[in-house]
Amino acid sequence: MSRVLSQQSSALPLNIEPEPGALPVDSPVSRKAQAASSRQEASTLEVFRGPVSGGGSPVVGPRCGPMTGAPNDFDFAVGGAFPPRPTGNVREQMKQGALTVAQSEAAAASLVMGSGTVVDAYARGHLRLLDPSPPLEGAPTSLTDYTSVLPGVAPEVAWDYFVRNPGPVFESAGIRFQPATGSLADGAKVFLEEKGPPPVWAPVTFRLEPEKNTVHITTLDGHPLRGTNRFAFEDDGAGGTRLRQYSAFQGSSPATSVGMKLMDPIERQHDIWRSVHAHLHDTLASR
């Protein structure tokens, strides 16, 4: 674990504990990125560094920031293996790729048909067939640490709003839930619908830890990425909340590599979470 210092962020350093199985490994890609990242602006964010073989020094991935927003001090740093590469055996990748295509076709149909009982029924039925698809242990894993502040907002208040208002939270980033969801429940499965192009139905499931003010999001079969996001609403010691979001992901199929060439899904991912963090601040801290 290593901290990279910066004069631009007010974030307090904390250790990152990735989700089980999200272990980055040393690679030529990350070694090359170390040289590039040393020329980038630094960050107070701590980037997880996995175990290193051969007695060498651990390395961080490319730096995509700082992306600091006002007034919520949004910032992020990345580590591990970038860009994310497809993981799993050939059979598993073919399965994931086929589901991704089918779900993209469903997303396109949903945009044409609009919300309704037919689309909701199809989404619910399909989601029941999908299993969690977290990062595979030991495979190269991309890591991102997002952070922002909610001054004057207690962690339990911020957590409760996130859980009870997922629609507005994600719609701030142009993401719609299919089927429509009023509030999150432990074990709930939904598609995160993005208009694109191309249109995407990205299936995820939620796990709630109210005693820790934490929300876990894990991708399901057919998501373009194998991944987890952990939102930890922490007491900042001054009557407010510091939101730490730990993201770990890999490619799920060759479609990941194709997407990387045709568009910039990683930057889109950063934009989504930037918008989510901003919505929470603007809605809660501005009251």
Protein backbone atom coordinates (compact mmCIF):
# COMPACT_ATOMS: atom_id res chain seq x y z
CA MET A 1 0.00 0.00 0.00
CA SER A 2 1.45 3.35 -0.93
CA ARG A 3 0.25 6.92 -0.83
CA VAL A 4 0.92 9.37 -3.66
CA LEU A 5 0.95 12.95 -2.41
CA SER A 6 -0.71 15.95 -3.98
CA GLN A 7 -1.26 19.60 -3.17
CA GLN A 8 -4.52 19.71 -5.12
CA SER A 9 -6.76 17.39 -3.12
CA SER A 10 -8.01 17.75 0.42
CA ALA A 11 -8.88 14.06 0.68
CA LEU A 12 -7.57 12.18 3.70
CA PRO A 13 -5.63 8.99 2.86
CA LEU A 14 -7.25 5.67 3.80
CA ASN A 15 -6.29 2.12 3.01
CA ILE A 16 -8.14 0.55 0.11
CA GLU A 17 -9.46 -2.94 0.73
CA PRO A 18 -10.55 -4.38 -2.62
CA GLU A 19 -13.44 -6.80 -2.90
CA PRO A 20 -12.49 -10.48 -2.47
CA GLY A 21 -10.92 -11.79 -5.66
CA ALA A 22 -10.03 -8.35 -7.02
CA LEU A 23 -6.28 -8.78 -6.85
CA PRO A 24 -4.12 -6.91 -9.39
CA VAL A 25 -0.98 -8.59 -10.62
CA ASP A 26 2.27 -7.17 -11.85
CA SER A 27 2.48 -7.00 -15.63
CA PRO A 28 4.44 -5.34 -18.43
CA VAL A 29 1.47 -3.05 -18.95
CA SER A 30 1.51 -1.81 -15.37
CA ARG A 31 5.31 -1.50 -15.34
CA LYS A 32 5.09 0.69 -18.44
CA ALA A 33 2.30 2.68 -16.79
CA GLN A 34 4.49 3.37 -13.76
CA ALA A 35 6.86 5.46 -15.85
CA ALA A 36 3.94 7.36 -17.36
CA SER A 37 2.19 7.87 -14.03
CA SER A 38 5.32 9.31 -12.45
CA ARG A 39 5.03 12.18 -14.92
CA GLN A 40 1.38 12.79 -14.09
CA GLU A 41 0.03 14.95 -11.31
CA ALA A 42 -0.03 13.08 -8.01
CA SER A 43 -2.94 12.44 -5.69
CA THR A 44 -3.56 12.01 -2.00
CA LEU A 45 -5.60 8.93 -2.88
CA GLU A 46 -4.07 5.63 -1.91
CA VAL A 47 -3.96 3.17 -4.77
CA PHE A 48 -4.04 -0.52 -3.84
CA ARG A 49 -0.88 -2.35 -4.82
CA GLY A 50 -1.06 -6.10 -4.93
CA PRO A 51 1.58 -8.65 -4.02
CA VAL A 52 4.67 -8.57 -6.20
CA SER A 53 6.77 -11.57 -7.12
CA GLY A 54 10.52 -11.62 -7.53
CA GLY A 55 11.17 -9.03 -4.85
CA GLY A 56 10.47 -6.09 -7.16
CA SER A 57 8.75 -2.87 -6.17
CA PRO A 58 4.97 -2.64 -6.52
CA VAL A 59 3.64 -0.34 -9.22
CA VAL A 60 0.57 1.77 -9.82
CA GLY A 61 -1.48 1.96 -12.98
CA PRO A 62 -1.99 5.01 -15.19
CA ARG A 63 -3.14 8.23 -13.58
CA CYS A 64 -6.37 9.68 -14.97
CA GLY A 65 -6.59 12.87 -12.98
CA PRO A 66 -6.80 14.54 -10.74
CA MET A 67 -10.44 15.01 -11.64
CA THR A 68 -11.33 17.45 -8.89
CA GLY A 69 -14.77 18.98 -8.85
CA ALA A 70 -16.12 21.92 -6.90
CA PRO A 71 -17.46 21.96 -4.30
CA ASN A 72 -17.49 18.23 -3.46
CA ASP A 73 -13.72 17.62 -3.90
CA PHE A 74 -14.38 14.76 -6.33
CA ASP A 75 -11.14 13.01 -7.22
CA PHE A 76 -9.95 9.60 -8.31
CA ALA A 77 -6.86 7.54 -8.92
CA VAL A 78 -6.39 4.25 -10.72
CA GLY A 79 -4.13 1.25 -10.24
CA GLY A 80 -3.70 -2.33 -11.29
CA ALA A 81 -3.85 -3.48 -14.91
CA PHE A 82 -5.09 -1.05 -17.57
CA PRO A 83 -6.78 -1.35 -19.98
CA PRO A 84 -9.01 -4.15 -18.60
CA ARG A 85 -8.50 -7.38 -20.51
CA PRO A 86 -10.93 -10.27 -21.05
CA THR A 87 -10.59 -12.95 -18.36
CA GLY A 88 -11.80 -16.51 -18.01
CA ASN A 89 -11.47 -19.49 -20.33
CA VAL A 90 -12.73 -19.46 -23.91
CA ARG A 91 -16.03 -21.11 -23.03
CA GLU A 92 -16.73 -18.58 -20.31
CA GLN A 93 -15.84 -15.64 -22.54
CA MET A 94 -18.10 -16.94 -25.31
CA LYS A 95 -20.96 -17.28 -22.82
CA GLN A 96 -20.47 -13.76 -21.50
CA GLY A 97 -20.13 -12.32 -25.01
CA ALA A 98 -23.35 -13.98 -26.21
CA LEU A 99 -25.27 -12.62 -23.22
CA THR A 100 -23.83 -9.14 -23.78
CA VAL A 101 -25.09 -9.16 -27.38
CA ALA A 102 -28.53 -10.44 -26.37
CA GLN A 103 -28.83 -7.81 -23.65
CA SER A 104 -27.74 -5.06 -26.03
CA GLU A 105 -30.52 -6.13 -28.42
CA ALA A 106 -32.98 -6.00 -25.52
CA ALA A 107 -31.71 -2.51 -24.65
CA ALA A 108 -32.33 -1.34 -28.22
CA ALA A 109 -35.85 -2.78 -28.12
CA SER A 110 -36.49 -1.12 -24.77
CA LEU A 111 -35.54 2.28 -26.16
CA VAL A 112 -37.98 1.81 -29.04
CA MET A 113 -40.84 0.44 -26.93
CA GLY A 114 -40.29 2.65 -23.91
CA SER A 115 -41.06 1.69 -20.32
CA GLY A 116 -43.99 -0.62 -19.76
CA THR A 117 -45.17 -3.93 -18.37
CA VAL A 118 -43.83 -5.92 -21.33
CA VAL A 119 -40.28 -4.59 -20.97
CA ASP A 120 -40.39 -4.90 -17.17
CA ALA A 121 -41.60 -8.50 -17.35
CA TYR A 122 -38.88 -9.44 -19.83
CA ALA A 123 -36.19 -7.74 -17.73
CA ARG A 124 -37.31 -9.46 -14.51
CA GLY A 125 -37.44 -12.86 -16.18
CA HIS A 126 -34.03 -12.49 -17.78
CA LEU A 127 -32.39 -11.20 -14.60
CA ARG A 128 -33.45 -14.33 -12.70
CA LEU A 129 -31.22 -16.36 -15.05
CA LEU A 130 -28.07 -14.32 -14.39
CA ASP A 131 -25.44 -15.09 -11.76
CA PRO A 132 -22.94 -12.68 -10.16
CA SER A 133 -19.81 -12.08 -12.22
CA PRO A 134 -17.16 -10.59 -9.92
CA PRO A 135 -13.47 -10.29 -10.92
CA LEU A 136 -11.67 -13.62 -11.20
CA GLU A 137 -9.10 -14.07 -8.45
CA GLY A 138 -5.50 -13.79 -9.56
CA ALA A 139 -6.27 -12.31 -12.99
CA PRO A 140 -5.13 -8.78 -13.97
CA THR A 141 -7.61 -6.36 -12.38
CA SER A 142 -8.21 -2.66 -12.98
CA LEU A 143 -8.76 -0.64 -9.81
CA THR A 144 -10.18 2.83 -9.25
CA ASP A 145 -10.58 4.78 -6.01
CA TYR A 146 -13.18 7.56 -6.20
CA THR A 147 -13.67 10.00 -3.35
CA SER A 148 -15.84 13.02 -2.57
CA VAL A 149 -17.19 14.89 0.46
CA LEU A 150 -20.67 15.69 1.76
CA PRO A 151 -20.17 18.42 4.38
CA GLY A 152 -22.80 18.59 7.09
CA VAL A 153 -24.42 15.29 6.03
CA ALA A 154 -24.26 12.33 8.41
CA PRO A 155 -23.11 9.03 6.83
CA GLU A 156 -26.37 7.26 7.69
CA VAL A 157 -28.37 10.05 6.03
CA ALA A 158 -26.29 9.85 2.84
CA TRP A 159 -26.50 6.04 2.80
CA ASP A 160 -30.26 6.10 3.34
CA TYR A 161 -30.77 8.57 0.47
CA PHE A 162 -28.66 6.45 -1.89
CA VAL A 163 -30.66 3.32 -1.02
CA ARG A 164 -34.10 4.95 -1.15
CA ASN A 165 -33.55 7.01 -4.31
CA PRO A 166 -31.51 4.91 -6.78
CA GLY A 167 -33.52 6.17 -9.75
CA PRO A 168 -32.65 9.87 -9.38
CA VAL A 169 -29.08 9.01 -8.30
CA PHE A 170 -28.32 7.07 -11.50
CA GLU A 171 -30.48 9.19 -13.79
CA SER A 172 -28.11 12.07 -12.97
CA ALA A 173 -25.57 10.14 -15.06
CA GLY A 174 -28.01 9.26 -17.87
CA ILE A 175 -28.60 5.74 -16.52
CA ARG A 176 -32.09 4.29 -16.13
CA PHE A 177 -33.08 1.22 -14.12
CA GLN A 178 -34.84 -1.65 -15.90
CA PRO A 179 -37.16 -2.66 -14.40
CA ALA A 180 -37.94 0.60 -12.62
CA THR A 181 -36.89 0.42 -8.97
CA GLY A 182 -38.22 2.60 -6.17
CA SER A 183 -35.58 1.67 -3.60
CA LEU A 184 -32.74 -0.82 -3.29
CA ALA A 185 -33.20 -4.13 -1.50
CA ASP A 186 -30.51 -6.58 -0.46
CA GLY A 187 -29.99 -9.00 -3.35
CA ALA A 188 -31.93 -6.89 -5.86
CA LYS A 189 -31.06 -7.39 -9.55
CA VAL A 190 -31.53 -4.69 -12.20
CA PHE A 191 -30.30 -3.66 -15.61
CA LEU A 192 -28.54 -0.31 -15.82
CA GLU A 193 -29.80 0.99 -19.16
CA GLU A 194 -27.68 3.41 -21.17
CA LYS A 195 -28.95 4.86 -24.43
CA GLY A 196 -25.54 4.75 -26.07
CA PRO A 197 -24.77 4.39 -28.89
CA PRO A 198 -24.62 1.49 -28.62
CA PRO A 199 -27.52 0.93 -26.21
CA VAL A 200 -26.53 -1.20 -23.23
CA TRP A 201 -28.32 -3.22 -20.57
CA ALA A 202 -25.65 -3.76 -17.90
CA PRO A 203 -26.96 -6.19 -15.24
CA VAL A 204 -25.92 -5.73 -11.60
CA THR A 205 -26.95 -6.89 -8.15
CA PHE A 206 -26.85 -4.99 -4.86
CA ARG A 207 -25.80 -6.01 -1.36
CA LEU A 208 -26.57 -3.68 1.53
CA GLU A 209 -24.66 -3.30 4.79
CA PRO A 210 -26.68 -0.74 6.77
CA GLU A 211 -24.60 -1.27 9.92
CA LYS A 212 -21.54 -0.11 7.96
CA ASN A 213 -23.34 2.45 5.73
CA THR A 214 -22.02 0.52 2.73
CA VAL A 215 -23.52 -0.52 -0.59
CA HIS A 216 -21.92 -3.21 -2.76
CA ILE A 217 -22.64 -3.48 -6.49
CA THR A 218 -21.56 -6.62 -8.36
CA THR A 219 -21.96 -7.20 -12.09
CA LEU A 220 -24.01 -10.13 -13.39
CA ASP A 221 -23.52 -12.43 -16.36
CA GLY A 222 -23.45 -10.54 -19.65
CA HIS A 223 -22.16 -7.28 -18.23
CA PRO A 224 -19.34 -5.97 -20.47
CA LEU A 225 -17.14 -5.97 -17.36
CA ARG A 226 -16.61 -8.35 -14.48
CA GLY A 227 -16.60 -6.03 -11.54
CA THR A 228 -17.50 -4.74 -8.11
CA ASN A 229 -18.17 -1.27 -6.74
CA ARG A 230 -18.21 -0.66 -3.00
CA PHE A 231 -19.67 2.64 -1.77
CA ALA A 232 -18.57 3.39 1.80
CA PHE A 233 -20.21 6.40 3.46
CA GLU A 234 -17.70 7.31 6.19
CA ASP A 235 -17.75 9.80 9.04
CA ASP A 236 -15.35 12.64 8.24
CA GLY A 237 -14.98 13.59 11.91
CA ALA A 238 -16.53 17.02 11.35
CA GLY A 239 -20.22 16.18 11.14
CA GLY A 240 -20.11 15.26 7.47
CA THR A 241 -19.50 12.31 5.19
CA ARG A 242 -16.58 11.21 3.10
CA LEU A 243 -17.71 8.94 0.29
CA ARG A 244 -15.14 6.35 -0.78
CA GLN A 245 -15.97 4.21 -3.80
CA TYR A 246 -13.71 1.26 -4.52
CA SER A 247 -14.02 -0.15 -8.04
CA ALA A 248 -12.41 -3.37 -9.32
CA PHE A 249 -13.08 -4.75 -12.79
CA GLN A 250 -11.88 -6.96 -15.65
CA GLY A 251 -13.08 -7.58 -19.18
CA SER A 252 -15.76 -10.27 -19.43
CA SER A 253 -15.37 -11.22 -23.11
CA PRO A 254 -13.67 -10.16 -26.38
CA ALA A 255 -16.44 -7.55 -26.64
CA THR A 256 -14.51 -5.60 -24.00
CA SER A 257 -11.49 -5.24 -26.29
CA VAL A 258 -13.72 -4.31 -29.23
CA GLY A 259 -15.44 -1.66 -27.14
CA MET A 260 -12.09 -0.20 -26.12
CA LYS A 261 -11.21 0.32 -29.78
CA LEU A 262 -14.56 1.77 -30.83
CA MET A 263 -15.20 4.08 -27.87
CA ASP A 264 -13.80 5.11 -24.50
CA PRO A 265 -15.88 3.18 -21.95
CA ILE A 266 -13.45 3.84 -19.11
CA GLU A 267 -13.83 7.60 -19.44
CA ARG A 268 -17.59 7.09 -19.65
CA GLN A 269 -17.36 5.11 -16.43
CA HIS A 270 -15.52 8.00 -14.76
CA ASP A 271 -18.20 10.41 -16.01
CA ILE A 272 -20.97 8.23 -14.57
CA TRP A 273 -19.46 8.13 -11.10
CA ARG A 274 -18.54 11.81 -11.22
CA SER A 275 -22.22 12.58 -11.87
CA VAL A 276 -23.40 10.24 -9.11
CA HIS A 277 -21.07 11.83 -6.55
CA ALA A 278 -22.14 15.31 -7.69
CA HIS A 279 -25.84 14.44 -7.40
CA LEU A 280 -25.40 13.22 -3.83
CA HIS A 281 -23.57 16.41 -2.89
CA ASP A 282 -25.93 18.79 -4.66
CA THR A 283 -29.02 17.05 -3.26
CA LEU A 284 -27.90 16.53 0.33
CA ALA A 285 -25.18 19.03 1.20
CA SER A 286 -27.07 21.93 -0.38
CA ARG A 287 -30.19 21.47 1.80
